[in-house]
Amino acid sequence: MPAALLMLLACFVLVFTIIPLHDVQSIEQFFSILITYVWGAACIVAVIAVVGIYLFVWIENRKDAKEAEEKSKLAGRE
């Protein structure tokens, strides 16, 4: 839910502040500007998603390695 509200806020900011700064002369120019900003936002979201997945997998692998190390230490003591 908060992500949807954040996306809605971003749309309002785009439509009411950024696009009027471009002095739009036609509907084609409006859609061209809109598509440019949407592609830019999509690229940013994709990069954040890839980095997030990489960090998640890296953290999980570190946890698994620590657990395996603890198990081997416990097995060595017994």
C-alpha atoms as a PDB file:
ATOM      1  CA  MET A   1       0.000   0.000   0.000  1.00  0.00           C
ATOM      2  CA  PRO A   2       2.694   2.589   0.819  1.00  0.00           C
ATOM      3  CA  ALA A   3       4.469   1.750  -2.448  1.00  0.00           C
ATOM      4  CA  ALA A   4       1.282   2.435  -4.415  1.00  0.00           C
ATOM      5  CA  LEU A   5       0.827   5.760  -2.653  1.00  0.00           C
ATOM      6  CA  LEU A   6       4.441   6.659  -3.370  1.00  0.00           C
ATOM      7  CA  MET A   7       3.955   5.830  -7.059  1.00  0.00           C
ATOM      8  CA  LEU A   8       0.797   7.944  -7.137  1.00  0.00           C
ATOM      9  CA  LEU A   9       2.667  10.856  -5.565  1.00  0.00           C
ATOM     10  CA  ALA A  10       5.441  10.455  -8.147  1.00  0.00           C
ATOM     11  CA  CYS A  11       2.852  10.592 -10.951  1.00  0.00           C
ATOM     12  CA  PHE A  12       1.361  13.795  -9.564  1.00  0.00           C
ATOM     13  CA  VAL A  13       4.800  15.370  -9.245  1.00  0.00           C
ATOM     14  CA  LEU A  14       5.646  14.354 -12.804  1.00  0.00           C
ATOM     15  CA  VAL A  15       2.397  15.607 -14.333  1.00  0.00           C
ATOM     16  CA  PHE A  16       2.033  18.848 -12.375  1.00  0.00           C
ATOM     17  CA  THR A  17       5.621  20.028 -11.912  1.00  0.00           C
ATOM     18  CA  ILE A  18       8.163  18.418 -14.241  1.00  0.00           C
ATOM     19  CA  ILE A  19       6.214  18.158 -17.504  1.00  0.00           C
ATOM     20  CA  PRO A  20       4.970  21.799 -17.441  1.00  0.00           C
ATOM     21  CA  LEU A  21       8.610  22.922 -17.321  1.00  0.00           C
ATOM     22  CA  HIS A  22       9.134  21.544 -20.855  1.00  0.00           C
ATOM     23  CA  ASP A  23       6.746  23.940 -22.667  1.00  0.00           C
ATOM     24  CA  VAL A  24       4.703  21.172 -24.292  1.00  0.00           C
ATOM     25  CA  GLN A  25       3.312  22.175 -27.699  1.00  0.00           C
ATOM     26  CA  SER A  26       1.445  19.006 -28.701  1.00  0.00           C
ATOM     27  CA  ILE A  27       0.061  15.787 -27.294  1.00  0.00           C
ATOM     28  CA  GLU A  28       2.814  13.844 -29.107  1.00  0.00           C
ATOM     29  CA  GLN A  29       5.469  15.901 -27.367  1.00  0.00           C
ATOM     30  CA  PHE A  30       3.692  15.337 -24.038  1.00  0.00           C
ATOM     31  CA  PHE A  31       3.717  11.562 -24.516  1.00  0.00           C
ATOM     32  CA  SER A  32       7.330  11.642 -25.673  1.00  0.00           C
ATOM     33  CA  ILE A  33       8.350  13.431 -22.476  1.00  0.00           C
ATOM     34  CA  LEU A  34       6.169  11.146 -20.365  1.00  0.00           C
ATOM     35  CA  ILE A  35       7.643   7.992 -21.922  1.00  0.00           C
ATOM     36  CA  THR A  36      11.169   9.317 -21.381  1.00  0.00           C
ATOM     37  CA  TYR A  37      10.536   9.847 -17.678  1.00  0.00           C
ATOM     38  CA  VAL A  38       8.752   6.495 -17.310  1.00  0.00           C
ATOM     39  CA  TRP A  39      11.694   4.670 -18.936  1.00  0.00           C
ATOM     40  CA  GLY A  40      14.103   6.510 -16.656  1.00  0.00           C
ATOM     41  CA  ALA A  41      12.085   5.565 -13.588  1.00  0.00           C
ATOM     42  CA  ALA A  42      11.836   1.955 -14.775  1.00  0.00           C
ATOM     43  CA  CYS A  43      15.611   1.764 -15.181  1.00  0.00           C
ATOM     44  CA  ILE A  44      16.149   3.143 -11.681  1.00  0.00           C
ATOM     45  CA  VAL A  45      13.667   0.649 -10.218  1.00  0.00           C
ATOM     46  CA  ALA A  46      15.346  -2.212 -12.105  1.00  0.00           C
ATOM     47  CA  VAL A  47      18.782  -1.266 -10.776  1.00  0.00           C
ATOM     48  CA  ILE A  48      17.451  -1.026  -7.217  1.00  0.00           C
ATOM     49  CA  ALA A  49      15.756  -4.422  -7.587  1.00  0.00           C
ATOM     50  CA  VAL A  50      18.901  -6.112  -8.919  1.00  0.00           C
ATOM     51  CA  VAL A  51      21.054  -4.636  -6.150  1.00  0.00           C
ATOM     52  CA  GLY A  52      18.465  -5.625  -3.546  1.00  0.00           C
ATOM     53  CA  ILE A  53      18.321  -9.211  -4.793  1.00  0.00           C
ATOM     54  CA  TYR A  54      22.115  -9.415  -4.889  1.00  0.00           C
ATOM     55  CA  LEU A  55      22.398  -8.126  -1.311  1.00  0.00           C
ATOM     56  CA  PHE A  56      19.668 -10.493  -0.107  1.00  0.00           C
ATOM     57  CA  VAL A  57      21.388 -13.520  -1.638  1.00  0.00           C
ATOM     58  CA  TRP A  58      24.781 -12.394  -0.295  1.00  0.00           C
ATOM     59  CA  ILE A  59      23.411 -11.979   3.246  1.00  0.00           C
ATOM     60  CA  GLU A  60      21.670 -15.363   3.111  1.00  0.00           C
ATOM     61  CA  ASN A  61      24.879 -17.031   1.914  1.00  0.00           C
ATOM     62  CA  ARG A  62      26.807 -15.447   4.786  1.00  0.00           C
ATOM     63  CA  LYS A  63      24.203 -16.723   7.266  1.00  0.00           C
ATOM     64  CA  ASP A  64      24.428 -20.223   5.789  1.00  0.00           C
ATOM     65  CA  ALA A  65      28.228 -20.128   5.948  1.00  0.00           C
ATOM     66  CA  LYS A  66      28.152 -19.062   9.610  1.00  0.00           C
ATOM     67  CA  GLU A  67      25.674 -21.822  10.452  1.00  0.00           C
ATOM     68  CA  ALA A  68      27.828 -24.408   8.682  1.00  0.00           C
ATOM     69  CA  GLU A  69      30.899 -23.143  10.531  1.00  0.00           C
ATOM     70  CA  GLU A  70      29.107 -23.348  13.887  1.00  0.00           C
ATOM     71  CA  LYS A  71      27.910 -26.880  13.108  1.00  0.00           C
ATOM     72  CA  SER A  72      31.425 -27.969  12.189  1.00  0.00           C
ATOM     73  CA  LYS A  73      32.783 -26.475  15.423  1.00  0.00           C
ATOM     74  CA  LEU A  74      30.123 -28.283  17.449  1.00  0.00           C
ATOM     75  CA  ALA A  75      30.820 -31.532  15.605  1.00  0.00           C
ATOM     76  CA  GLY A  76      34.541 -31.126  16.278  1.00  0.00           C
ATOM     77  CA  ARG A  77      34.001 -30.684  20.036  1.00  0.00           C
ATOM     78  CA  GLU A  78      31.899 -33.817  20.462  1.00  0.00           C
END
